[in-house]
């Protein structure tokens, strides 16, 4: 199968297109034909910093965390997914895990979800890692009614996802102000008040 690999750590020119073995299905996993994958800050850190990181992969490596695609095979023990399901997930490259910058991935069935029909594959691939980051940040901050949420770098990919999470929380109530455009804002303060 085709994959973008790195044979050394460094600048973006270390990527090379290569033919590698197609992964084999295993229990509790699904084989996904990847139609879109995303590159995240962690991928850039791994590529640049390499073995200085405790979770760096052995080389050659396929990077990539987020993906979206169609299930081609289902492993023993997987009952929640079927061949042909469109899914997305965060199942790639950290330490021993294979990356998503490839045609196929064998993903843990617990790390994927069905793709919403209103999302295309590229949107679905991009949302998972950002979504996890936004959700974890919001939950770890232990936000509650009446608190302010400050989003640094509000023009980045995290802000719109964080906005949606904040507004969807039943405890959060309604925001006093919601800014529709993230370009050039830098910081956005959303004041959460009970409804």
N, C-alpha and C. Protein backbone atom coordinates (compact mmCIF):
# COMPACT_ATOMS: atom_id res chain seq x y z
N UNK A 1 0.85 -1.18 0.00
CA UNK A 1 0.00 0.00 0.00
C UNK A 1 0.89 1.24 0.00
N UNK A 2 0.35 2.35 -0.44
CA UNK A 2 1.06 3.62 -0.45
C UNK A 2 1.01 4.26 0.93
N UNK A 3 2.11 4.89 1.31
CA UNK A 3 2.18 5.61 2.58
C UNK A 3 3.25 6.69 2.48
N UNK A 4 3.07 7.74 3.27
CA UNK A 4 4.10 8.76 3.42
C UNK A 4 4.91 8.37 4.65
N UNK A 5 6.19 8.12 4.45
CA UNK A 5 7.04 7.69 5.56
C UNK A 5 8.12 8.72 5.82
N UNK A 6 8.71 8.61 7.01
CA UNK A 6 9.93 9.36 7.30
C UNK A 6 11.01 8.33 7.63
N UNK A 7 12.19 8.55 7.08
CA UNK A 7 13.34 7.69 7.36
C UNK A 7 14.30 8.33 8.34
N UNK A 8 14.07 9.61 8.63
CA UNK A 8 14.87 10.34 9.61
C UNK A 8 13.99 11.44 10.17
N UNK A 9 14.43 12.05 11.25
CA UNK A 9 13.70 13.16 11.84
C UNK A 9 14.26 14.47 11.31
N UNK A 10 13.42 15.48 11.21
CA UNK A 10 13.90 16.77 10.72
C UNK A 10 12.80 17.57 10.07
N UNK A 11 13.18 18.37 9.07
CA UNK A 11 12.22 19.26 8.39
C UNK A 11 11.24 18.45 7.55
N UNK A 12 10.30 19.13 6.94
CA UNK A 12 9.25 18.44 6.19
C UNK A 12 9.78 17.69 4.97
N UNK A 13 10.98 17.97 4.54
CA UNK A 13 11.52 17.26 3.38
C UNK A 13 11.96 15.83 3.70
N UNK A 14 11.80 15.39 4.95
CA UNK A 14 12.12 13.99 5.28
C UNK A 14 11.01 13.04 4.86
N UNK A 15 9.84 13.56 4.47
CA UNK A 15 8.74 12.70 4.00
C UNK A 15 9.07 12.12 2.64
N UNK A 16 8.70 10.85 2.45
CA UNK A 16 8.88 10.19 1.16
C UNK A 16 7.69 9.26 0.92
N UNK A 17 7.24 9.18 -0.32
CA UNK A 17 6.19 8.25 -0.70
C UNK A 17 6.80 6.87 -0.83
N UNK A 18 6.16 5.88 -0.23
CA UNK A 18 6.71 4.52 -0.25
C UNK A 18 5.60 3.49 -0.35
N UNK A 19 5.96 2.30 -0.79
CA UNK A 19 5.07 1.14 -0.74
C UNK A 19 5.43 0.34 0.49
N UNK A 20 4.45 0.11 1.36
CA UNK A 20 4.68 -0.69 2.57
C UNK A 20 3.61 -1.77 2.64
N UNK A 21 3.80 -2.72 3.53
CA UNK A 21 2.85 -3.83 3.67
C UNK A 21 1.51 -3.33 4.20
N UNK A 22 0.44 -3.86 3.63
CA UNK A 22 -0.90 -3.55 4.12
C UNK A 22 -1.08 -4.24 5.47
N UNK A 23 -1.59 -3.52 6.48
CA UNK A 23 -1.74 -4.14 7.80
C UNK A 23 -2.79 -5.25 7.79
N UNK A 24 -2.62 -6.20 8.68
CA UNK A 24 -3.56 -7.33 8.78
C UNK A 24 -4.49 -7.11 9.96
N UNK A 25 -5.74 -7.49 9.75
CA UNK A 25 -6.77 -7.34 10.77
C UNK A 25 -6.43 -8.18 12.00
N UNK A 26 -6.82 -7.70 13.18
CA UNK A 26 -6.64 -8.46 14.41
C UNK A 26 -7.86 -8.27 15.29
N UNK A 27 -7.96 -9.06 16.32
CA UNK A 27 -9.12 -9.02 17.22
C UNK A 27 -9.32 -7.62 17.79
N UNK A 28 -10.57 -7.24 17.95
CA UNK A 28 -10.98 -5.96 18.54
C UNK A 28 -10.57 -4.74 17.72
N UNK A 29 -10.20 -4.96 16.48
CA UNK A 29 -9.79 -3.88 15.58
C UNK A 29 -10.58 -3.95 14.28
N UNK A 30 -10.49 -2.87 13.51
CA UNK A 30 -11.08 -2.83 12.17
C UNK A 30 -10.01 -2.38 11.18
N UNK A 31 -10.12 -2.87 9.96
CA UNK A 31 -9.25 -2.42 8.88
C UNK A 31 -9.99 -1.32 8.15
N UNK A 32 -9.40 -0.12 8.12
CA UNK A 32 -10.04 1.03 7.50
C UNK A 32 -9.27 1.45 6.26
N UNK A 33 -10.01 1.62 5.16
CA UNK A 33 -9.46 2.20 3.94
C UNK A 33 -9.52 3.71 4.16
N UNK A 34 -8.37 4.32 4.39
CA UNK A 34 -8.30 5.74 4.75
C UNK A 34 -8.56 6.59 3.51
N UNK A 35 -9.53 7.48 3.64
CA UNK A 35 -9.86 8.40 2.55
C UNK A 35 -9.37 9.82 2.84
N UNK A 36 -9.12 10.13 4.11
CA UNK A 36 -8.57 11.42 4.50
C UNK A 36 -7.84 11.25 5.83
N UNK A 37 -6.73 11.94 5.97
CA UNK A 37 -6.01 11.92 7.25
C UNK A 37 -5.61 13.35 7.59
N UNK A 38 -5.29 13.56 8.85
CA UNK A 38 -4.93 14.91 9.28
C UNK A 38 -3.55 14.92 9.91
N UNK A 39 -2.94 16.08 9.84
CA UNK A 39 -1.65 16.29 10.49
C UNK A 39 -1.89 17.21 11.66
N UNK A 40 -1.34 16.85 12.81
CA UNK A 40 -1.57 17.56 14.05
C UNK A 40 -0.24 18.07 14.59
N UNK A 41 -0.31 18.93 15.57
CA UNK A 41 0.90 19.45 16.20
C UNK A 41 1.81 18.34 16.69
N UNK A 42 1.22 17.27 17.22
CA UNK A 42 2.03 16.15 17.71
C UNK A 42 2.85 15.52 16.58
N UNK A 43 2.27 15.42 15.39
CA UNK A 43 3.02 14.89 14.25
C UNK A 43 4.24 15.75 13.95
N UNK A 44 4.05 17.06 13.99
CA UNK A 44 5.16 17.98 13.73
C UNK A 44 6.22 17.85 14.81
N UNK A 45 5.80 17.74 16.06
CA UNK A 45 6.76 17.57 17.16
C UNK A 45 7.57 16.29 16.97
N UNK A 46 6.89 15.20 16.64
CA UNK A 46 7.60 13.93 16.44
C UNK A 46 8.59 14.06 15.29
N UNK A 47 8.15 14.64 14.18
CA UNK A 47 9.03 14.76 13.01
C UNK A 47 10.25 15.63 13.33
N UNK A 48 10.06 16.72 14.05
CA UNK A 48 11.15 17.64 14.34
C UNK A 48 12.05 17.17 15.48
N UNK A 49 11.46 16.65 16.55
CA UNK A 49 12.22 16.34 17.76
C UNK A 49 12.65 14.89 17.85
N UNK A 50 11.94 14.01 17.16
CA UNK A 50 12.33 12.61 17.06
C UNK A 50 12.60 11.91 18.37
N UNK A 51 13.77 11.30 18.46
CA UNK A 51 14.08 10.45 19.61
C UNK A 51 14.31 11.22 20.90
N UNK A 52 14.17 12.54 20.88
CA UNK A 52 14.20 13.31 22.12
C UNK A 52 12.89 13.15 22.88
N UNK A 53 11.88 12.62 22.20
CA UNK A 53 10.57 12.41 22.81
C UNK A 53 10.44 10.97 23.30
N UNK A 54 9.79 10.75 24.44
CA UNK A 54 9.65 9.38 24.96
C UNK A 54 8.72 8.51 24.12
N UNK A 55 7.91 9.10 23.26
CA UNK A 55 6.96 8.35 22.45
C UNK A 55 7.33 8.36 20.97
N UNK A 56 8.58 8.65 20.67
CA UNK A 56 9.01 8.70 19.27
C UNK A 56 8.96 7.30 18.64
N UNK A 57 8.57 7.23 17.38
CA UNK A 57 8.51 5.93 16.70
C UNK A 57 9.89 5.48 16.24
N UNK A 58 10.00 4.18 15.99
CA UNK A 58 11.20 3.67 15.34
C UNK A 58 11.10 4.00 13.86
N UNK A 59 12.22 4.26 13.24
CA UNK A 59 12.24 4.60 11.82
C UNK A 59 12.48 3.36 10.98
N UNK A 60 11.97 3.30 9.76
CA UNK A 60 11.08 4.28 9.15
C UNK A 60 9.71 4.26 9.81
N UNK A 61 9.02 5.40 9.75
CA UNK A 61 7.74 5.51 10.43
C UNK A 61 6.71 6.20 9.55
N UNK A 62 5.46 5.86 9.80
CA UNK A 62 4.32 6.54 9.19
C UNK A 62 3.69 7.39 10.28
N UNK A 63 3.67 8.71 10.07
CA UNK A 63 3.07 9.61 11.05
C UNK A 63 1.57 9.76 10.78
N UNK A 64 0.91 10.55 11.59
CA UNK A 64 -0.52 10.82 11.41
C UNK A 64 -1.34 10.23 12.54
N UNK A 65 -2.25 11.05 13.08
CA UNK A 65 -3.12 10.62 14.19
C UNK A 65 -4.57 10.48 13.76
N UNK A 66 -5.10 11.48 13.10
CA UNK A 66 -6.52 11.49 12.75
C UNK A 66 -6.76 10.94 11.36
N UNK A 67 -7.94 10.33 11.17
CA UNK A 67 -8.28 9.77 9.86
C UNK A 67 -9.78 9.64 9.72
N UNK A 68 -10.20 9.44 8.49
CA UNK A 68 -11.59 9.08 8.18
C UNK A 68 -11.54 8.14 6.98
N UNK A 69 -12.45 7.18 6.97
CA UNK A 69 -12.47 6.24 5.87
C UNK A 69 -13.59 5.23 6.02
N UNK A 70 -13.47 4.15 5.25
CA UNK A 70 -14.51 3.13 5.21
C UNK A 70 -13.96 1.80 5.70
N UNK A 71 -14.70 1.13 6.57
CA UNK A 71 -14.26 -0.16 7.11
C UNK A 71 -14.26 -1.21 6.01
N UNK A 72 -13.12 -1.88 5.88
CA UNK A 72 -12.97 -2.93 4.88
C UNK A 72 -13.03 -4.32 5.50
N UNK A 73 -12.64 -4.44 6.76
CA UNK A 73 -12.69 -5.73 7.46
C UNK A 73 -12.88 -5.47 8.95
N UNK A 74 -13.52 -6.42 9.62
CA UNK A 74 -13.81 -6.31 11.05
C UNK A 74 -13.18 -7.50 11.76
N UNK A 75 -12.43 -7.21 12.82
CA UNK A 75 -11.77 -8.27 13.58
C UNK A 75 -12.70 -8.96 14.55
N UNK A 76 -12.23 -10.11 15.03
CA UNK A 76 -12.98 -10.89 16.01
C UNK A 76 -13.26 -10.03 17.24
N UNK A 77 -14.49 -10.10 17.73
CA UNK A 77 -14.88 -9.36 18.93
C UNK A 77 -15.48 -8.00 18.66
N UNK A 78 -15.41 -7.53 17.42
CA UNK A 78 -15.99 -6.22 17.08
C UNK A 78 -17.44 -6.43 16.65
N UNK A 79 -18.35 -5.88 17.42
CA UNK A 79 -19.78 -6.04 17.11
C UNK A 79 -20.46 -4.71 16.76
N UNK A 80 -19.82 -3.60 17.10
CA UNK A 80 -20.46 -2.30 16.90
C UNK A 80 -20.24 -1.70 15.52
N UNK A 81 -19.40 -2.32 14.69
CA UNK A 81 -19.12 -1.82 13.35
C UNK A 81 -19.23 -2.95 12.34
N UNK A 82 -19.49 -2.57 11.08
CA UNK A 82 -19.61 -3.53 9.99
C UNK A 82 -18.81 -3.06 8.79
N UNK A 83 -18.50 -3.99 7.89
CA UNK A 83 -17.84 -3.64 6.64
C UNK A 83 -18.73 -2.62 5.92
N UNK A 84 -18.11 -1.57 5.40
CA UNK A 84 -18.83 -0.52 4.69
C UNK A 84 -19.17 0.68 5.53
N UNK A 85 -19.06 0.58 6.86
CA UNK A 85 -19.32 1.74 7.72
C UNK A 85 -18.29 2.83 7.47
N UNK A 86 -18.76 4.06 7.37
CA UNK A 86 -17.86 5.21 7.28
C UNK A 86 -17.54 5.66 8.70
N UNK A 87 -16.24 5.73 9.01
CA UNK A 87 -15.81 6.01 10.38
C UNK A 87 -14.72 7.08 10.38
N UNK A 88 -14.47 7.61 11.56
CA UNK A 88 -13.34 8.51 11.75
C UNK A 88 -12.75 8.20 13.12
N UNK A 89 -11.51 8.62 13.33
CA UNK A 89 -10.91 8.31 14.61
C UNK A 89 -9.57 8.95 14.82
N UNK A 90 -9.03 8.64 15.96
CA UNK A 90 -7.71 9.09 16.38
C UNK A 90 -6.98 7.83 16.79
N UNK A 91 -6.33 7.21 15.85
CA UNK A 91 -5.78 5.88 16.12
C UNK A 91 -4.34 5.74 15.68
N UNK A 92 -3.69 6.82 15.39
CA UNK A 92 -2.39 6.71 14.75
C UNK A 92 -1.19 7.03 15.61
N UNK A 93 -0.15 7.23 14.97
CA UNK A 93 1.24 7.31 15.35
C UNK A 93 1.59 7.95 16.68
N UNK A 94 1.72 7.15 17.68
CA UNK A 94 2.44 7.50 18.89
C UNK A 94 3.12 6.22 19.30
N UNK A 95 4.43 6.27 19.45
CA UNK A 95 5.26 5.11 19.82
C UNK A 95 5.04 3.95 18.86
N UNK A 96 4.40 2.88 19.30
CA UNK A 96 4.31 1.66 18.51
C UNK A 96 3.12 1.62 17.56
N UNK A 97 2.22 2.59 17.62
CA UNK A 97 1.03 2.56 16.76
C UNK A 97 1.37 3.01 15.34
N UNK A 98 0.75 2.38 14.34
CA UNK A 98 0.98 2.82 12.96
C UNK A 98 0.30 4.16 12.72
N UNK A 99 0.82 4.93 11.80
CA UNK A 99 0.25 6.24 11.51
C UNK A 99 -0.85 6.19 10.46
N UNK A 100 -1.46 7.35 10.25
CA UNK A 100 -2.61 7.44 9.35
C UNK A 100 -2.28 8.05 8.00
N UNK A 101 -1.03 8.40 7.75
CA UNK A 101 -0.65 8.93 6.44
C UNK A 101 -0.36 7.76 5.51
N UNK A 102 -1.35 6.89 5.39
CA UNK A 102 -1.24 5.66 4.60
C UNK A 102 -2.62 5.32 4.04
N UNK A 103 -2.65 4.36 3.14
CA UNK A 103 -3.92 3.96 2.52
C UNK A 103 -4.81 3.18 3.49
N UNK A 104 -4.23 2.43 4.41
CA UNK A 104 -4.99 1.60 5.35
C UNK A 104 -4.44 1.75 6.76
N UNK A 105 -5.31 1.50 7.73
CA UNK A 105 -4.88 1.40 9.12
C UNK A 105 -5.74 0.34 9.81
N UNK A 106 -5.12 -0.41 10.70
CA UNK A 106 -5.86 -1.30 11.59
C UNK A 106 -6.04 -0.52 12.88
N UNK A 107 -7.28 -0.13 13.15
CA UNK A 107 -7.58 0.75 14.27
C UNK A 107 -8.34 0.01 15.35
N UNK A 108 -8.02 0.31 16.60
CA UNK A 108 -8.76 -0.21 17.74
C UNK A 108 -10.21 0.27 17.61
N UNK A 109 -11.15 -0.64 17.66
CA UNK A 109 -12.57 -0.29 17.49
C UNK A 109 -13.06 0.67 18.56
N UNK A 110 -12.37 0.76 19.69
CA UNK A 110 -12.76 1.69 20.76
C UNK A 110 -12.29 3.11 20.49
N UNK A 111 -11.45 3.31 19.48
CA UNK A 111 -10.91 4.63 19.19
C UNK A 111 -11.53 5.27 17.95
N UNK A 112 -12.60 4.68 17.44
CA UNK A 112 -13.25 5.21 16.25
C UNK A 112 -14.73 5.44 16.52
N UNK A 113 -15.36 6.18 15.62
CA UNK A 113 -16.80 6.44 15.69
C UNK A 113 -17.35 6.52 14.28
N UNK A 114 -18.64 6.32 14.15
CA UNK A 114 -19.28 6.48 12.84
C UNK A 114 -19.22 7.95 12.43
N UNK A 115 -18.93 8.18 11.18
CA UNK A 115 -18.88 9.53 10.63
C UNK A 115 -20.30 10.04 10.43
N UNK A 116 -20.55 11.25 10.88
CA UNK A 116 -21.85 11.88 10.64
C UNK A 116 -22.02 12.12 9.14
N UNK A 117 -23.22 11.93 8.64
CA UNK A 117 -23.47 12.08 7.21
C UNK A 117 -23.26 13.50 6.71
N UNK A 118 -23.40 14.48 7.59
CA UNK A 118 -23.22 15.87 7.16
C UNK A 118 -21.76 16.31 7.11
N UNK A 119 -20.83 15.43 7.47
CA UNK A 119 -19.40 15.72 7.36
C UNK A 119 -18.82 14.98 6.18
N UNK A 120 -17.93 15.64 5.43
CA UNK A 120 -17.20 14.90 4.42
C UNK A 120 -15.99 14.25 5.10
N UNK A 121 -15.27 13.42 4.37
CA UNK A 121 -14.16 12.67 4.97
C UNK A 121 -13.06 13.60 5.49
N UNK A 122 -12.75 14.67 4.76
CA UNK A 122 -11.69 15.58 5.21
C UNK A 122 -12.08 16.27 6.51
N UNK A 123 -13.32 16.70 6.62
CA UNK A 123 -13.77 17.34 7.85
C UNK A 123 -13.72 16.37 9.02
N UNK A 124 -14.16 15.15 8.78
CA UNK A 124 -14.16 14.14 9.85
C UNK A 124 -12.74 13.82 10.30
N UNK A 125 -11.81 13.70 9.36
CA UNK A 125 -10.42 13.39 9.72
C UNK A 125 -9.81 14.49 10.57
N UNK A 126 -10.17 15.72 10.29
CA UNK A 126 -9.58 16.86 10.99
C UNK A 126 -10.15 17.08 12.38
N UNK A 127 -11.35 16.63 12.64
CA UNK A 127 -12.05 16.99 13.88
C UNK A 127 -11.64 16.16 15.09
N UNK A 128 -11.22 14.93 14.91
CA UNK A 128 -11.06 14.02 16.05
C UNK A 128 -10.00 14.48 17.05
N UNK A 129 -8.79 14.75 16.60
CA UNK A 129 -7.72 15.12 17.53
C UNK A 129 -8.02 16.47 18.16
N UNK A 130 -8.49 17.42 17.35
CA UNK A 130 -8.86 18.74 17.87
C UNK A 130 -10.01 18.61 18.86
N UNK A 131 -10.97 17.76 18.53
CA UNK A 131 -12.12 17.55 19.41
C UNK A 131 -11.72 16.98 20.76
N UNK A 132 -10.82 16.01 20.74
CA UNK A 132 -10.34 15.42 21.99
C UNK A 132 -9.61 16.47 22.82
N UNK A 133 -8.77 17.27 22.17
CA UNK A 133 -8.01 18.31 22.87
C UNK A 133 -8.96 19.33 23.50
N UNK A 134 -9.95 19.78 22.73
CA UNK A 134 -10.91 20.76 23.26
C UNK A 134 -11.70 20.18 24.42
N UNK A 135 -12.19 18.98 24.27
CA UNK A 135 -12.98 18.33 25.32
C UNK A 135 -12.16 18.14 26.59
N UNK A 136 -10.96 17.59 26.44
CA UNK A 136 -10.10 17.36 27.61
C UNK A 136 -9.78 18.67 28.32
N UNK A 137 -9.47 19.71 27.56
CA UNK A 137 -9.16 21.00 28.17
C UNK A 137 -10.33 21.55 28.96
N UNK A 138 -11.51 21.46 28.38
CA UNK A 138 -12.71 21.97 29.04
C UNK A 138 -13.03 21.17 30.29
N UNK A 139 -12.90 19.86 30.21
CA UNK A 139 -13.21 19.01 31.37
C UNK A 139 -12.17 19.18 32.48
N UNK A 140 -10.90 19.25 32.10
CA UNK A 140 -9.85 19.41 33.11
C UNK A 140 -9.90 20.77 33.79
N UNK A 141 -10.42 21.77 33.08
CA UNK A 141 -10.56 23.10 33.67
C UNK A 141 -11.72 23.14 34.66
N UNK A 142 -12.54 22.09 34.65
CA UNK A 142 -13.67 21.99 35.58
C UNK A 142 -14.57 23.23 35.51
N UNK A 143 -14.93 23.61 34.30
CA UNK A 143 -15.76 24.80 34.11
C UNK A 143 -17.17 24.58 34.64
N UNK A 144 -17.76 25.66 35.10
CA UNK A 144 -19.14 25.59 35.59
C UNK A 144 -19.85 26.91 35.29
N UNK A 145 -21.13 26.96 35.60
CA UNK A 145 -21.94 28.15 35.34
C UNK A 145 -21.30 29.39 35.95
N UNK A 146 -21.35 30.49 35.19
CA UNK A 146 -20.85 31.75 35.69
C UNK A 146 -19.37 31.98 35.50
N UNK A 147 -18.62 30.95 35.10
CA UNK A 147 -17.19 31.12 34.89
C UNK A 147 -16.91 31.66 33.49
N UNK A 148 -15.77 32.30 33.36
CA UNK A 148 -15.31 32.75 32.05
C UNK A 148 -14.36 31.70 31.49
N UNK A 149 -14.40 31.54 30.18
CA UNK A 149 -13.49 30.63 29.49
C UNK A 149 -12.65 31.48 28.55
N UNK A 150 -11.35 31.45 28.72
CA UNK A 150 -10.44 32.20 27.88
C UNK A 150 -9.78 31.23 26.91
N UNK A 151 -9.91 31.50 25.63
CA UNK A 151 -9.31 30.65 24.60
C UNK A 151 -8.16 31.42 23.98
N UNK A 152 -6.93 31.02 24.30
CA UNK A 152 -5.75 31.63 23.69
C UNK A 152 -5.64 31.13 22.26
N UNK A 153 -5.21 31.99 21.36
CA UNK A 153 -5.10 31.58 19.97
C UNK A 153 -6.45 31.27 19.38
N UNK A 154 -7.41 32.13 19.65
CA UNK A 154 -8.80 31.88 19.27
C UNK A 154 -9.04 31.75 17.78
N UNK A 155 -8.07 32.07 16.96
CA UNK A 155 -8.28 31.95 15.52
C UNK A 155 -7.86 30.58 15.00
N UNK A 156 -7.40 29.71 15.87
CA UNK A 156 -6.96 28.37 15.46
C UNK A 156 -8.09 27.38 15.35
N UNK A 157 -7.73 26.15 15.05
CA UNK A 157 -8.71 25.08 14.82
C UNK A 157 -9.46 24.70 16.09
N UNK A 158 -8.85 24.91 17.24
CA UNK A 158 -9.47 24.50 18.50
C UNK A 158 -10.68 25.34 18.87
N UNK A 159 -10.63 26.64 18.57
CA UNK A 159 -11.68 27.54 19.04
C UNK A 159 -13.08 27.18 18.58
N UNK A 160 -13.32 26.92 17.30
CA UNK A 160 -14.70 26.60 16.91
C UNK A 160 -15.22 25.32 17.56
N UNK A 161 -14.33 24.35 17.76
CA UNK A 161 -14.75 23.11 18.42
C UNK A 161 -15.04 23.38 19.88
N UNK A 162 -14.17 24.15 20.52
CA UNK A 162 -14.39 24.50 21.92
C UNK A 162 -15.68 25.31 22.08
N UNK A 163 -15.94 26.23 21.16
CA UNK A 163 -17.20 26.98 21.18
C UNK A 163 -18.39 26.03 21.21
N UNK A 164 -18.39 25.07 20.30
CA UNK A 164 -19.52 24.14 20.21
C UNK A 164 -19.67 23.32 21.49
N UNK A 165 -18.54 22.90 22.06
CA UNK A 165 -18.61 22.13 23.31
C UNK A 165 -19.16 22.98 24.45
N UNK A 166 -18.69 24.21 24.53
CA UNK A 166 -19.17 25.10 25.59
C UNK A 166 -20.67 25.30 25.47
N UNK A 167 -21.13 25.55 24.26
CA UNK A 167 -22.56 25.83 24.05
C UNK A 167 -23.42 24.59 24.19
N UNK A 168 -22.83 23.43 24.03
CA UNK A 168 -23.63 22.21 24.12
C UNK A 168 -23.73 21.67 25.55
N UNK A 169 -22.88 22.15 26.43
CA UNK A 169 -22.93 21.68 27.82
C UNK A 169 -24.20 22.18 28.50
N UNK A 170 -24.97 21.28 29.04
CA UNK A 170 -26.21 21.67 29.70
C UNK A 170 -25.94 22.59 30.88
N UNK A 171 -24.83 22.36 31.56
CA UNK A 171 -24.51 23.17 32.74
C UNK A 171 -24.06 24.57 32.35
N UNK A 172 -23.62 24.74 31.11
CA UNK A 172 -22.99 26.00 30.73
C UNK A 172 -23.97 27.14 30.57
N UNK A 173 -25.17 26.86 30.16
CA UNK A 173 -26.11 27.93 29.91
C UNK A 173 -25.84 28.57 28.56
N UNK A 174 -26.14 29.84 28.44
CA UNK A 174 -26.01 30.54 27.18
C UNK A 174 -24.89 31.56 27.27
N UNK A 175 -24.09 31.66 26.22
CA UNK A 175 -23.00 32.64 26.20
C UNK A 175 -23.56 34.03 25.95
N UNK A 176 -22.96 35.02 26.59
CA UNK A 176 -23.36 36.41 26.37
C UNK A 176 -22.92 36.88 24.99
N UNK A 177 -21.80 36.36 24.54
CA UNK A 177 -21.26 36.82 23.28
C UNK A 177 -20.68 35.63 22.53
N UNK A 178 -21.00 35.55 21.26
CA UNK A 178 -20.40 34.51 20.43
C UNK A 178 -19.89 35.18 19.16
N UNK A 179 -18.61 35.04 18.92
CA UNK A 179 -18.01 35.67 17.75
C UNK A 179 -18.01 34.69 16.60
N UNK A 180 -18.46 35.12 15.45
CA UNK A 180 -18.62 34.20 14.33
C UNK A 180 -17.35 34.02 13.52
N UNK A 181 -16.44 34.96 13.56
CA UNK A 181 -15.22 34.84 12.75
C UNK A 181 -14.02 34.77 13.66
N UNK A 182 -13.18 33.77 13.48
CA UNK A 182 -12.00 33.60 14.31
C UNK A 182 -10.77 34.28 13.76
N UNK A 183 -10.82 34.85 12.58
CA UNK A 183 -9.62 35.39 11.96
C UNK A 183 -9.15 36.64 12.67
N UNK A 184 -7.89 36.62 13.08
CA UNK A 184 -7.26 37.78 13.65
C UNK A 184 -7.74 38.15 15.05
N UNK A 185 -8.45 37.27 15.72
CA UNK A 185 -8.98 37.63 17.03
C UNK A 185 -7.98 37.44 18.15
N UNK A 186 -7.06 36.49 17.99
CA UNK A 186 -6.12 36.24 19.07
C UNK A 186 -6.77 35.57 20.25
N UNK A 187 -7.41 36.34 21.14
CA UNK A 187 -8.07 35.78 22.32
C UNK A 187 -9.56 36.05 22.23
N UNK A 188 -10.34 35.10 22.65
CA UNK A 188 -11.79 35.27 22.71
C UNK A 188 -12.23 34.91 24.12
N UNK A 189 -12.97 35.77 24.77
CA UNK A 189 -13.51 35.47 26.08
C UNK A 189 -14.99 35.20 25.93
N UNK A 190 -15.42 34.06 26.40
CA UNK A 190 -16.83 33.69 26.36
C UNK A 190 -17.32 33.65 27.80
N UNK A 191 -18.24 34.51 28.14
CA UNK A 191 -18.77 34.56 29.49
C UNK A 191 -19.95 33.61 29.57
N UNK A 192 -19.85 32.59 30.39
CA UNK A 192 -20.90 31.58 30.51
C UNK A 192 -21.82 31.97 31.66
N UNK A 193 -23.10 32.06 31.38
CA UNK A 193 -24.10 32.39 32.38
C UNK A 193 -25.17 31.31 32.39
N UNK A 194 -25.76 31.03 33.54
CA UNK A 194 -26.84 30.03 33.58
C UNK A 194 -28.06 30.53 32.82
N UNK A 195 -28.81 29.58 32.24
CA UNK A 195 -30.04 29.95 31.52
C UNK A 195 -31.24 29.80 32.43
